[in-house]
PDB file of N, CA and C in Angstrom:
ATOM      1  N   MET A   1      46.095  65.493  14.650  1.00  0.00           N
ATOM      2  CA  MET A   1      46.520  64.230  15.383  1.00  0.00           C
ATOM      3  C   MET A   1      46.076  63.054  14.408  1.00  0.00           C
ATOM      4  N   GLN A   2      47.066  62.243  14.022  1.00  0.00           N
ATOM      5  CA  GLN A   2      46.729  61.110  13.189  1.00  0.00           C
ATOM      6  C   GLN A   2      46.405  59.927  14.085  1.00  0.00           C
ATOM      7  N   GLN A   3      45.350  59.286  13.677  1.00  0.00           N
ATOM      8  CA  GLN A   3      44.852  58.112  14.410  1.00  0.00           C
ATOM      9  C   GLN A   3      45.754  56.860  14.124  1.00  0.00           C
ATOM     10  N   GLU A   4      46.098  56.245  15.160  1.00  0.00           N
ATOM     11  CA  GLU A   4      46.943  54.932  15.063  1.00  0.00           C
ATOM     12  C   GLU A   4      46.053  53.903  14.672  1.00  0.00           C
ATOM     13  N   ARG A   5      46.598  53.197  13.584  1.00  0.00           N
ATOM     14  CA  ARG A   5      45.689  51.981  13.027  1.00  0.00           C
ATOM     15  C   ARG A   5      46.378  50.642  13.526  1.00  0.00           C
ATOM     16  N   GLN A   6      45.425  49.727  13.723  1.00  0.00           N
ATOM     17  CA  GLN A   6      45.780  48.423  14.087  1.00  0.00           C
ATOM     18  C   GLN A   6      46.312  47.656  13.038  1.00  0.00           C
ATOM     19  N   LEU A   7      47.581  47.199  13.025  1.00  0.00           N
ATOM     20  CA  LEU A   7      48.178  46.416  12.098  1.00  0.00           C
ATOM     21  C   LEU A   7      48.149  44.868  12.234  1.00  0.00           C
ATOM     22  N   HIS A   8      48.170  44.175  11.210  1.00  0.00           N
ATOM     23  CA  HIS A   8      48.097  42.801  11.113  1.00  0.00           C
ATOM     24  C   HIS A   8      48.881  42.275   9.943  1.00  0.00           C
ATOM     25  N   TYR A   9      49.213  41.021   9.976  1.00  0.00           N
ATOM     26  CA  TYR A   9      49.917  40.371   8.935  1.00  0.00           C
ATOM     27  C   TYR A   9      49.142  39.214   8.390  1.00  0.00           C
ATOM     28  N   GLY A  10      49.547  38.773   7.228  1.00  0.00           N
ATOM     29  CA  GLY A  10      49.011  37.548   6.692  1.00  0.00           C
ATOM     30  C   GLY A  10      50.055  36.527   6.373  1.00  0.00           C
ATOM     31  N   LEU A  11      49.919  35.123   6.546  1.00  0.00           N
ATOM     32  CA  LEU A  11      51.008  34.176   6.275  1.00  0.00           C
ATOM     33  C   LEU A  11      50.310  33.110   5.535  1.00  0.00           C
ATOM     34  N   ILE A  12      50.804  32.861   4.356  1.00  0.00           N
ATOM     35  CA  ILE A  12      50.365  31.596   3.702  1.00  0.00           C
ATOM     36  C   ILE A  12      51.408  30.717   3.502  1.00  0.00           C
ATOM     37  N   VAL A  13      51.259  29.450   3.858  1.00  0.00           N
ATOM     38  CA  VAL A  13      52.355  28.432   3.766  1.00  0.00           C
ATOM     39  C   VAL A  13      52.153  27.583   2.590  1.00  0.00           C
ATOM     40  N   ARG A  14      53.082  27.524   1.682  1.00  0.00           N
ATOM     41  CA  ARG A  14      53.069  26.598   0.469  1.00  0.00           C
ATOM     42  C   ARG A  14      54.319  25.796   0.432  1.00  0.00           C
ATOM     43  N   ILE A  15      54.103  24.534  -0.151  1.00  0.00           N
ATOM     44  CA  ILE A  15      55.301  23.801  -0.258  1.00  0.00           C
ATOM     45  C   ILE A  15      55.534  23.513  -1.801  1.00  0.00           C
ATOM     46  N   TYR A  16      56.747  23.645  -2.229  1.00  0.00           N
ATOM     47  CA  TYR A  16      57.179  23.570  -3.591  1.00  0.00           C
ATOM     48  C   TYR A  16      57.995  22.389  -3.983  1.00  0.00           C
ATOM     49  N   GLY A  17      57.950  21.867  -5.133  1.00  0.00           N
ATOM     50  CA  GLY A  17      58.846  21.174  -5.697  1.00  0.00           C
ATOM     51  C   GLY A  17      59.377  21.860  -6.914  1.00  0.00           C
ATOM     52  N   ASP A  18      59.233  21.340  -8.158  1.00  0.00           N
ATOM     53  CA  ASP A  18      59.301  22.103  -9.358  1.00  0.00           C
ATOM     54  C   ASP A  18      58.347  23.360  -9.416  1.00  0.00           C
ATOM     55  N   GLU A  19      57.175  23.049  -8.944  1.00  0.00           N
ATOM     56  CA  GLU A  19      56.167  24.044  -8.885  1.00  0.00           C
ATOM     57  C   GLU A  19      55.424  23.930  -7.606  1.00  0.00           C
ATOM     58  N   LYS A  20      54.461  24.821  -7.409  1.00  0.00           N
ATOM     59  CA  LYS A  20      53.712  24.726  -6.112  1.00  0.00           C
ATOM     60  C   LYS A  20      52.898  23.492  -6.058  1.00  0.00           C
ATOM     61  N   CYS A  21      53.068  22.792  -4.979  1.00  0.00           N
ATOM     62  CA  CYS A  21      52.360  21.506  -4.864  1.00  0.00           C
ATOM     63  C   CYS A  21      51.508  21.262  -3.714  1.00  0.00           C
ATOM     64  N   PHE A  22      51.692  22.057  -2.668  1.00  0.00           N
ATOM     65  CA  PHE A  22      50.766  21.712  -1.512  1.00  0.00           C
ATOM     66  C   PHE A  22      50.582  23.108  -0.714  1.00  0.00           C
ATOM     67  N   GLY A  23      49.466  23.445  -0.339  1.00  0.00           N
ATOM     68  CA  GLY A  23      49.249  24.725   0.367  1.00  0.00           C
ATOM     69  C   GLY A  23      47.870  24.681   1.117  1.00  0.00           C
ATOM     70  N   PRO A  24      47.267  25.805   1.541  1.00  0.00           N
ATOM     71  CA  PRO A  24      46.177  25.682   2.305  1.00  0.00           C
ATOM     72  C   PRO A  24      44.899  25.252   1.541  1.00  0.00           C
ATOM     73  N   GLY A  25      44.884  25.538   0.178  1.00  0.00           N
ATOM     74  CA  GLY A  25      43.749  24.974  -0.600  1.00  0.00           C
ATOM     75  C   GLY A  25      43.734  23.601  -0.633  1.00  0.00           C
ATOM     76  N   ILE A  26      44.745  22.918  -1.058  1.00  0.00           N
ATOM     77  CA  ILE A  26      44.651  21.454  -1.208  1.00  0.00           C
ATOM     78  C   ILE A  26      44.452  20.698   0.326  1.00  0.00           C
ATOM     79  N   ALA A  27      45.161  21.419   1.315  1.00  0.00           N
ATOM     80  CA  ALA A  27      44.948  20.897   2.530  1.00  0.00           C
ATOM     81  C   ALA A  27      43.428  20.928   2.992  1.00  0.00           C
ATOM     82  N   GLN A  28      42.795  22.030   2.654  1.00  0.00           N
ATOM     83  CA  GLN A  28      41.332  22.058   2.949  1.00  0.00           C
ATOM     84  C   GLN A  28      40.516  21.094   2.194  1.00  0.00           C
ATOM     85  N   LEU A  29      40.958  20.976   0.803  1.00  0.00           N
ATOM     86  CA  LEU A  29      40.240  19.914   0.067  1.00  0.00           C
ATOM     87  C   LEU A  29      40.409  18.522   0.571  1.00  0.00           C
ATOM     88  N   LEU A  30      41.564  18.133   0.864  1.00  0.00           N
ATOM     89  CA  LEU A  30      41.773  16.864   1.445  1.00  0.00           C
ATOM     90  C   LEU A  30      41.015  16.652   2.850  1.00  0.00           C
ATOM     91  N   GLU A  31      40.910  17.664   3.634  1.00  0.00           N
ATOM     92  CA  GLU A  31      40.238  17.599   4.929  1.00  0.00           C
ATOM     93  C   GLU A  31      38.785  17.490   4.597  1.00  0.00           C
ATOM     94  N   ARG A  32      38.231  18.180   3.611  1.00  0.00           N
ATOM     95  CA  ARG A  32      36.873  17.858   3.254  1.00  0.00           C
ATOM     96  C   ARG A  32      36.533  16.483   2.676  1.00  0.00           C
ATOM     97  N   VAL A  33      37.557  16.011   1.913  1.00  0.00           N
ATOM     98  CA  VAL A  33      37.522  14.470   1.349  1.00  0.00           C
ATOM     99  C   VAL A  33      37.381  13.587   2.645  1.00  0.00           C
ATOM    100  N   GLN A  34      38.095  13.873   3.669  1.00  0.00           N
ATOM    101  CA  GLN A  34      38.067  13.024   4.826  1.00  0.00           C
ATOM    102  C   GLN A  34      36.629  12.979   5.415  1.00  0.00           C
ATOM    103  N   VAL A  35      35.937  14.097   5.329  1.00  0.00           N
ATOM    104  CA  VAL A  35      34.591  14.163   5.948  1.00  0.00           C
ATOM    105  C   VAL A  35      33.473  13.600   4.901  1.00  0.00           C
ATOM    106  N   THR A  36      33.611  14.047   3.607  1.00  0.00           N
ATOM    107  CA  THR A  36      32.559  13.706   2.711  1.00  0.00           C
ATOM    108  C   THR A  36      32.738  12.259   2.026  1.00  0.00           C
ATOM    109  N   HIS A  37      33.986  11.770   2.081  1.00  0.00           N
ATOM    110  CA  HIS A  37      34.469  10.634   1.337  1.00  0.00           C
ATOM    111  C   HIS A  37      34.278  10.667  -0.240  1.00  0.00           C
ATOM    112  N   SER A  38      34.384  11.886  -0.716  1.00  0.00           N
ATOM    113  CA  SER A  38      34.229  12.266  -2.098  1.00  0.00           C
ATOM    114  C   SER A  38      34.900  13.492  -2.489  1.00  0.00           C
ATOM    115  N   LEU A  39      35.750  13.267  -3.624  1.00  0.00           N
ATOM    116  CA  LEU A  39      36.567  14.391  -4.124  1.00  0.00           C
ATOM    117  C   LEU A  39      35.463  15.394  -4.685  1.00  0.00           C
ATOM    118  N   ARG A  40      34.550  14.811  -5.502  1.00  0.00           N
ATOM    119  CA  ARG A  40      33.555  15.664  -6.098  1.00  0.00           C
ATOM    120  C   ARG A  40      32.799  16.692  -5.131  1.00  0.00           C
ATOM    121  N   GLN A  41      32.356  15.994  -4.057  1.00  0.00           N
ATOM    122  CA  GLN A  41      31.630  16.685  -2.980  1.00  0.00           C
ATOM    123  C   GLN A  41      32.564  17.685  -2.184  1.00  0.00           C
ATOM    124  N   ALA A  42      33.830  17.432  -1.940  1.00  0.00           N
ATOM    125  CA  ALA A  42      34.718  18.166  -1.391  1.00  0.00           C
ATOM    126  C   ALA A  42      34.935  19.439  -2.220  1.00  0.00           C
ATOM    127  N   ALA A  43      35.091  19.244  -3.559  1.00  0.00           N
ATOM    128  CA  ALA A  43      35.341  20.390  -4.425  1.00  0.00           C
ATOM    129  C   ALA A  43      34.076  21.249  -4.439  1.00  0.00           C
ATOM    130  N   ALA A  44      33.055  20.642  -4.624  1.00  0.00           N
ATOM    131  CA  ALA A  44      31.653  21.426  -4.617  1.00  0.00           C
ATOM    132  C   ALA A  44      31.508  22.216  -3.377  1.00  0.00           C
ATOM    133  N   SER A  45      31.914  21.721  -2.213  1.00  0.00           N
ATOM    134  CA  SER A  45      31.777  22.539  -1.010  1.00  0.00           C
ATOM    135  C   SER A  45      32.658  23.648  -0.909  1.00  0.00           C
ATOM    136  N   MET A  46      33.681  23.720  -1.820  1.00  0.00           N
ATOM    137  CA  MET A  46      34.604  24.864  -1.858  1.00  0.00           C
ATOM    138  C   MET A  46      34.335  25.707  -3.190  1.00  0.00           C
ATOM    139  N   ASN A  47      33.155  25.444  -3.929  1.00  0.00           N
ATOM    140  CA  ASN A  47      32.983  26.091  -5.138  1.00  0.00           C
ATOM    141  C   ASN A  47      34.026  25.949  -6.118  1.00  0.00           C
ATOM    142  N   MET A  48      34.537  24.732  -6.210  1.00  0.00           N
ATOM    143  CA  MET A  48      35.692  24.458  -7.129  1.00  0.00           C
ATOM    144  C   MET A  48      35.194  23.387  -8.104  1.00  0.00           C
ATOM    145  N   ALA A  49      35.616  23.510  -9.363  1.00  0.00           N
ATOM    146  CA  ALA A  49      35.256  22.521 -10.309  1.00  0.00           C
ATOM    147  C   ALA A  49      35.952  21.138 -10.031  1.00  0.00           C
ATOM    148  N   TYR A  50      35.229  20.080 -10.304  1.00  0.00           N
ATOM    149  CA  TYR A  50      35.857  18.734  -9.942  1.00  0.00           C
ATOM    150  C   TYR A  50      36.996  18.643 -10.786  1.00  0.00           C
ATOM    151  N   SER A  51      37.152  19.059 -11.939  1.00  0.00           N
ATOM    152  CA  SER A  51      38.298  18.825 -12.890  1.00  0.00           C
ATOM    153  C   SER A  51      39.449  19.649 -12.294  1.00  0.00           C
ATOM    154  N   LYS A  52      39.241  20.728 -11.720  1.00  0.00           N
ATOM    155  CA  LYS A  52      40.260  21.589 -11.122  1.00  0.00           C
ATOM    156  C   LYS A  52      40.863  20.785  -9.817  1.00  0.00           C
ATOM    157  N   ALA A  53      40.033  20.248  -9.102  1.00  0.00           N
ATOM    158  CA  ALA A  53      40.338  19.589  -7.772  1.00  0.00           C
ATOM    159  C   ALA A  53      41.065  18.306  -8.203  1.00  0.00           C
ATOM    160  N   TRP A  54      40.709  17.669  -9.193  1.00  0.00           N
ATOM    161  CA  TRP A  54      41.523  16.451  -9.728  1.00  0.00           C
ATOM    162  C   TRP A  54      42.799  16.817 -10.130  1.00  0.00           C
ATOM    163  N   ARG A  55      42.923  17.863 -10.826  1.00  0.00           N
ATOM    164  CA  ARG A  55      44.190  18.397 -11.484  1.00  0.00           C
ATOM    165  C   ARG A  55      45.203  18.827 -10.331  1.00  0.00           C
ATOM    166  N   ILE A  56      44.610  19.444  -9.267  1.00  0.00           N
ATOM    167  CA  ILE A  56      45.434  19.831  -8.078  1.00  0.00           C
ATOM    168  C   ILE A  56      45.959  18.624  -7.466  1.00  0.00           C
ATOM    169  N   VAL A  57      45.116  17.715  -7.159  1.00  0.00           N
ATOM    170  CA  VAL A  57      45.569  16.459  -6.453  1.00  0.00           C
ATOM    171  C   VAL A  57      46.641  15.721  -7.362  1.00  0.00           C
ATOM    172  N   LYS A  58      46.482  15.593  -8.634  1.00  0.00           N
ATOM    173  CA  LYS A  58      47.411  14.961  -9.517  1.00  0.00           C
ATOM    174  C   LYS A  58      48.749  15.561  -9.465  1.00  0.00           C
ATOM    175  N   THR A  59      48.622  16.932  -9.575  1.00  0.00           N
ATOM    176  CA  THR A  59      50.030  17.798  -9.541  1.00  0.00           C
ATOM    177  C   THR A  59      50.737  17.431  -8.318  1.00  0.00           C
ATOM    178  N   ALA A  60      50.029  17.480  -7.110  1.00  0.00           N
ATOM    179  CA  ALA A  60      50.617  17.255  -5.838  1.00  0.00           C
ATOM    180  C   ALA A  60      51.130  15.860  -5.786  1.00  0.00           C
ATOM    181  N   GLU A  61      50.424  14.904  -6.209  1.00  0.00           N
ATOM    182  CA  GLU A  61      50.908  13.498  -6.148  1.00  0.00           C
ATOM    183  C   GLU A  61      52.068  13.277  -6.914  1.00  0.00           C
ATOM    184  N   GLU A  62      52.101  13.855  -8.149  1.00  0.00           N
ATOM    185  CA  GLU A  62      53.398  13.769  -9.016  1.00  0.00           C
ATOM    186  C   GLU A  62      54.574  14.427  -8.289  1.00  0.00           C
ATOM    187  N   THR A  63      54.421  15.498  -7.730  1.00  0.00           N
ATOM    188  CA  THR A  63      55.532  16.270  -7.061  1.00  0.00           C
ATOM    189  C   THR A  63      55.952  15.672  -5.863  1.00  0.00           C
ATOM    190  N   LEU A  64      55.060  15.191  -5.032  1.00  0.00           N
ATOM    191  CA  LEU A  64      55.332  14.618  -3.662  1.00  0.00           C
ATOM    192  C   LEU A  64      55.815  13.119  -3.973  1.00  0.00           C
ATOM    193  N   GLY A  65      55.380  12.530  -4.877  1.00  0.00           N
ATOM    194  CA  GLY A  65      55.892  11.122  -5.082  1.00  0.00           C
ATOM    195  C   GLY A  65      55.083   9.972  -4.482  1.00  0.00           C
ATOM    196  N   PHE A  66      53.899  10.403  -4.063  1.00  0.00           N
ATOM    197  CA  PHE A  66      53.044   9.287  -3.409  1.00  0.00           C
ATOM    198  C   PHE A  66      51.514   9.638  -3.743  1.00  0.00           C
ATOM    199  N   LYS A  67      50.716   8.772  -3.596  1.00  0.00           N
ATOM    200  CA  LYS A  67      49.278   8.964  -3.847  1.00  0.00           C
ATOM    201  C   LYS A  67      48.628   9.652  -2.709  1.00  0.00           C
ATOM    202  N   LEU A  68      47.738  10.600  -2.903  1.00  0.00           N
ATOM    203  CA  LEU A  68      46.983  11.210  -1.834  1.00  0.00           C
ATOM    204  C   LEU A  68      45.564  10.527  -1.566  1.00  0.00           C
ATOM    205  N   LEU A  69      45.098  10.014  -2.585  1.00  0.00           N
ATOM    206  CA  LEU A  69      43.623   9.622  -2.602  1.00  0.00           C
ATOM    207  C   LEU A  69      43.653   8.222  -3.047  1.00  0.00           C
ATOM    208  N   MET A  70      42.801   7.198  -2.605  1.00  0.00           N
ATOM    209  CA  MET A  70      42.560   6.090  -3.120  1.00  0.00           C
ATOM    210  C   MET A  70      41.049   6.028  -3.299  1.00  0.00           C
ATOM    211  N   SER A  71      40.715   5.453  -4.589  1.00  0.00           N
ATOM    212  CA  SER A  71      39.314   5.351  -4.773  1.00  0.00           C
ATOM    213  C   SER A  71      38.636   4.062  -4.245  1.00  0.00           C
ATOM    214  N   VAL A  72      37.415   4.378  -3.874  1.00  0.00           N
ATOM    215  CA  VAL A  72      36.625   3.197  -3.218  1.00  0.00           C
ATOM    216  C   VAL A  72      35.536   2.927  -4.351  1.00  0.00           C
ATOM    217  N   THR A  73      35.598   1.746  -4.807  1.00  0.00           N
ATOM    218  CA  THR A  73      34.639   1.482  -5.903  1.00  0.00           C
ATOM    219  C   THR A  73      33.229   1.446  -5.511  1.00  0.00           C
ATOM    220  N   GLY A  74      32.392   1.635  -6.376  1.00  0.00           N
ATOM    221  CA  GLY A  74      30.939   1.789  -6.062  1.00  0.00           C
ATOM    222  C   GLY A  74      30.384   0.360  -5.639  1.00  0.00           C
ATOM    223  N   GLY A  75      29.236   0.403  -5.287  1.00  0.00           N
ATOM    224  CA  GLY A  75      28.534  -0.834  -4.652  1.00  0.00           C
ATOM    225  C   GLY A  75      27.193  -0.337  -4.266  1.00  0.00           C
ATOM    226  N   LYS A  76      26.744  -0.979  -3.177  1.00  0.00           N
ATOM    227  CA  LYS A  76      25.472  -0.628  -2.476  1.00  0.00           C
ATOM    228  C   LYS A  76      25.420   0.745  -2.060  1.00  0.00           C
ATOM    229  N   GLY A  77      26.575   1.178  -1.393  1.00  0.00           N
ATOM    230  CA  GLY A  77      26.584   2.571  -0.865  1.00  0.00           C
ATOM    231  C   GLY A  77      27.245   3.539  -1.830  1.00  0.00           C
ATOM    232  N   GLY A  78      27.640   3.073  -2.920  1.00  0.00           N
ATOM    233  CA  GLY A  78      28.293   4.049  -3.995  1.00  0.00           C
ATOM    234  C   GLY A  78      29.838   4.001  -3.794  1.00  0.00           C
ATOM    235  N   GLY A  79      30.312   4.659  -4.596  1.00  0.00           N
ATOM    236  CA  GLY A  79      31.917   4.796  -4.671  1.00  0.00           C
ATOM    237  C   GLY A  79      32.275   5.944  -3.667  1.00  0.00           C
ATOM    238  N   GLY A  80      33.595   6.229  -3.644  1.00  0.00           N
ATOM    239  CA  GLY A  80      34.115   7.396  -3.089  1.00  0.00           C
ATOM    240  C   GLY A  80      35.579   7.568  -3.040  1.00  0.00           C
ATOM    241  N   ALA A  81      36.107   8.231  -2.145  1.00  0.00           N
ATOM    242  CA  ALA A  81      37.541   8.547  -2.010  1.00  0.00           C
ATOM    243  C   ALA A  81      37.996   8.602  -0.505  1.00  0.00           C
ATOM    244  N   GLU A  82      39.083   8.093  -0.225  1.00  0.00           N
ATOM    245  CA  GLU A  82      39.685   8.031   1.057  1.00  0.00           C
ATOM    246  C   GLU A  82      41.099   8.468   0.829  1.00  0.00           C
ATOM    247  N   LEU A  83      41.587   9.217   1.999  1.00  0.00           N
ATOM    248  CA  LEU A  83      43.055   9.590   2.026  1.00  0.00           C
ATOM    249  C   LEU A  83      43.944   8.440   2.252  1.00  0.00           C
ATOM    250  N   THR A  84      45.027   8.354   1.666  1.00  0.00           N
ATOM    251  CA  THR A  84      45.993   7.313   1.819  1.00  0.00           C
ATOM    252  C   THR A  84      46.690   7.653   3.134  1.00  0.00           C
ATOM    253  N   ALA A  85      47.420   6.603   3.860  1.00  0.00           N
ATOM    254  CA  ALA A  85      48.118   6.798   5.011  1.00  0.00           C
ATOM    255  C   ALA A  85      49.073   7.918   4.824  1.00  0.00           C
ATOM    256  N   GLU A  86      49.836   7.887   3.625  1.00  0.00           N
ATOM    257  CA  GLU A  86      50.857   8.950   3.326  1.00  0.00           C
ATOM    258  C   GLU A  86      50.249  10.381   3.314  1.00  0.00           C
ATOM    259  N   ALA A  87      49.041  10.460   2.755  1.00  0.00           N
ATOM    260  CA  ALA A  87      48.300  11.708   2.574  1.00  0.00           C
ATOM    261  C   ALA A  87      48.039  12.261   4.078  1.00  0.00           C
ATOM    262  N   LEU A  88      47.449  11.395   4.908  1.00  0.00           N
ATOM    263  CA  LEU A  88      47.088  11.704   6.322  1.00  0.00           C
ATOM    264  C   LEU A  88      48.319  12.208   6.985  1.00  0.00           C
ATOM    265  N   ASN A  89      49.326  11.498   6.916  1.00  0.00           N
ATOM    266  CA  ASN A  89      50.723  11.888   7.632  1.00  0.00           C
ATOM    267  C   ASN A  89      51.192  13.230   7.087  1.00  0.00           C
ATOM    268  N   PHE A  90      51.234  13.362   5.757  1.00  0.00           N
ATOM    269  CA  PHE A  90      51.687  14.704   5.258  1.00  0.00           C
ATOM    270  C   PHE A  90      50.826  15.801   5.614  1.00  0.00           C
ATOM    271  N   LEU A  91      49.467  15.628   5.554  1.00  0.00           N
ATOM    272  CA  LEU A  91      48.524  16.640   5.996  1.00  0.00           C
ATOM    273  C   LEU A  91      48.775  17.052   7.421  1.00  0.00           C
ATOM    274  N   GLN A  92      48.923  16.077   8.189  1.00  0.00           N
ATOM    275  CA  GLN A  92      49.247  16.324   9.657  1.00  0.00           C
ATOM    276  C   GLN A  92      50.457  17.195   9.889  1.00  0.00           C
ATOM    277  N   ARG A  93      51.634  16.806   9.234  1.00  0.00           N
ATOM    278  CA  ARG A  93      52.796  17.401   9.303  1.00  0.00           C
ATOM    279  C   ARG A  93      52.687  18.840   8.704  1.00  0.00           C
ATOM    280  N   PHE A  94      52.095  18.919   7.633  1.00  0.00           N
ATOM    281  CA  PHE A  94      51.728  20.283   7.050  1.00  0.00           C
ATOM    282  C   PHE A  94      51.101  21.249   8.156  1.00  0.00           C
ATOM    283  N   ARG A  95      49.832  20.779   8.592  1.00  0.00           N
ATOM    284  CA  ARG A  95      49.332  21.626   9.697  1.00  0.00           C
ATOM    285  C   ARG A  95      50.116  21.933  10.870  1.00  0.00           C
ATOM    286  N   GLU A  96      50.856  20.981  11.215  1.00  0.00           N
ATOM    287  CA  GLU A  96      51.892  21.272  12.464  1.00  0.00           C
ATOM    288  C   GLU A  96      52.872  22.259  12.042  1.00  0.00           C
ATOM    289  N   PHE A  97      53.519  22.112  10.807  1.00  0.00           N
ATOM    290  CA  PHE A  97      54.458  23.170  10.337  1.00  0.00           C
ATOM    291  C   PHE A  97      53.838  24.550  10.218  1.00  0.00           C
ATOM    292  N   GLU A  98      52.654  24.482   9.717  1.00  0.00           N
ATOM    293  CA  GLU A  98      51.937  25.821   9.552  1.00  0.00           C
ATOM    294  C   GLU A  98      51.795  26.449  11.037  1.00  0.00           C
ATOM    295  N   SER A  99      51.324  25.786  11.994  1.00  0.00           N
ATOM    296  CA  SER A  99      51.029  26.227  13.218  1.00  0.00           C
ATOM    297  C   SER A  99      52.398  26.739  13.887  1.00  0.00           C
ATOM    298  N   ALA A 100      53.504  25.955  13.773  1.00  0.00           N
ATOM    299  CA  ALA A 100      54.799  26.441  14.192  1.00  0.00           C
ATOM    300  C   ALA A 100      55.200  27.762  13.516  1.00  0.00           C
ATOM    301  N   LEU A 101      55.067  27.856  12.269  1.00  0.00           N
ATOM    302  CA  LEU A 101      55.415  29.109  11.553  1.00  0.00           C
ATOM    303  C   LEU A 101      54.481  30.311  12.028  1.00  0.00           C
ATOM    304  N   ARG A 102      53.217  30.034  12.255  1.00  0.00           N
ATOM    305  CA  ARG A 102      52.414  31.097  12.711  1.00  0.00           C
ATOM    306  C   ARG A 102      52.710  31.498  14.181  1.00  0.00           C
ATOM    307  N   SER A 103      53.076  30.635  14.952  1.00  0.00           N
ATOM    308  CA  SER A 103      53.580  30.877  16.301  1.00  0.00           C
ATOM    309  C   SER A 103      54.859  31.827  16.270  1.00  0.00           C
ATOM    310  N   TYR A 104      55.760  31.415  15.538  1.00  0.00           N
ATOM    311  CA  TYR A 104      57.015  32.215  15.363  1.00  0.00           C
ATOM    312  C   TYR A 104      56.707  33.605  14.880  1.00  0.00           C
ATOM    313  N   ALA A 105      55.763  33.605  13.759  1.00  0.00           N
ATOM    314  CA  ALA A 105      55.376  34.884  13.068  1.00  0.00           C
ATOM    315  C   ALA A 105      54.635  35.839  14.079  1.00  0.00           C
ATOM    316  N   ASP A 106      53.835  35.241  14.895  1.00  0.00           N
ATOM    317  CA  ASP A 106      53.077  36.074  15.921  1.00  0.00           C
ATOM    318  C   ASP A 106      54.113  36.726  16.691  1.00  0.00           C
ATOM    319  N   GLU A 107      55.115  35.999  17.288  1.00  0.00           N
ATOM    320  CA  GLU A 107      56.027  36.686  18.160  1.00  0.00           C
ATOM    321  C   GLU A 107      56.934  37.630  17.392  1.00  0.00           C
ATOM    322  N   ALA A 108      57.420  37.370  16.154  1.00  0.00           N
ATOM    323  CA  ALA A 108      58.145  38.185  15.508  1.00  0.00           C
ATOM    324  C   ALA A 108      57.442  39.461  15.126  1.00  0.00           C
ATOM    325  N   PHE A 109      56.073  39.390  14.747  1.00  0.00           N
ATOM    326  CA  PHE A 109      55.386  40.676  14.396  1.00  0.00           C
ATOM    327  C   PHE A 109      55.298  41.519  15.616  1.00  0.00           C
ATOM    328  N   VAL A 110      55.047  40.877  16.767  1.00  0.00           N
ATOM    329  CA  VAL A 110      54.979  41.879  17.999  1.00  0.00           C
ATOM    330  C   VAL A 110      56.320  42.520  18.198  1.00  0.00           C
ATOM    331  N   GLU A 111      57.429  41.743  18.066  1.00  0.00           N
ATOM    332  CA  GLU A 111      58.764  42.224  18.256  1.00  0.00           C
ATOM    333  C   GLU A 111      59.162  43.364  17.241  1.00  0.00           C
ATOM    334  N   PHE A 112      58.674  43.329  15.984  1.00  0.00           N
ATOM    335  CA  PHE A 112      59.034  44.148  14.978  1.00  0.00           C
ATOM    336  C   PHE A 112      58.154  45.401  14.817  1.00  0.00           C
ATOM    337  N   PHE A 113      56.815  45.111  15.237  1.00  0.00           N
ATOM    338  CA  PHE A 113      55.721  46.155  14.908  1.00  0.00           C
ATOM    339  C   PHE A 113      54.921  46.642  16.068  1.00  0.00           C
ATOM    340  N   SER A 114      55.261  46.333  17.350  1.00  0.00           N
ATOM    341  CA  SER A 114      54.511  46.949  18.385  1.00  0.00           C
ATOM    342  C   SER A 114      55.223  48.045  19.050  1.00  0.00           C
TER     343      SER A 114
END
């Protein structure tokens, strides 16, 4: 008698222009910038090199056509980074789109594999 295995699926949402420009990695990076106010700290918290984080952000900005981060110059409290209004809006829409796709995918998975 063969034991029945519990199946599950994986869904990764990515947005493309000419190349991949936005997905779960950059979304998480931007969410961490919101908390830390620093691209360097956000990247470090994900075990990502700062240069890679910078490159990912620049590629996304070029493809999307708007800035994701604005630099805050140093001073008494030091410098940092903030998400632009466009970045906040895009990030929110991305997470809502991702959620809607997961809801549909959950229903479809049950329909096709239960």
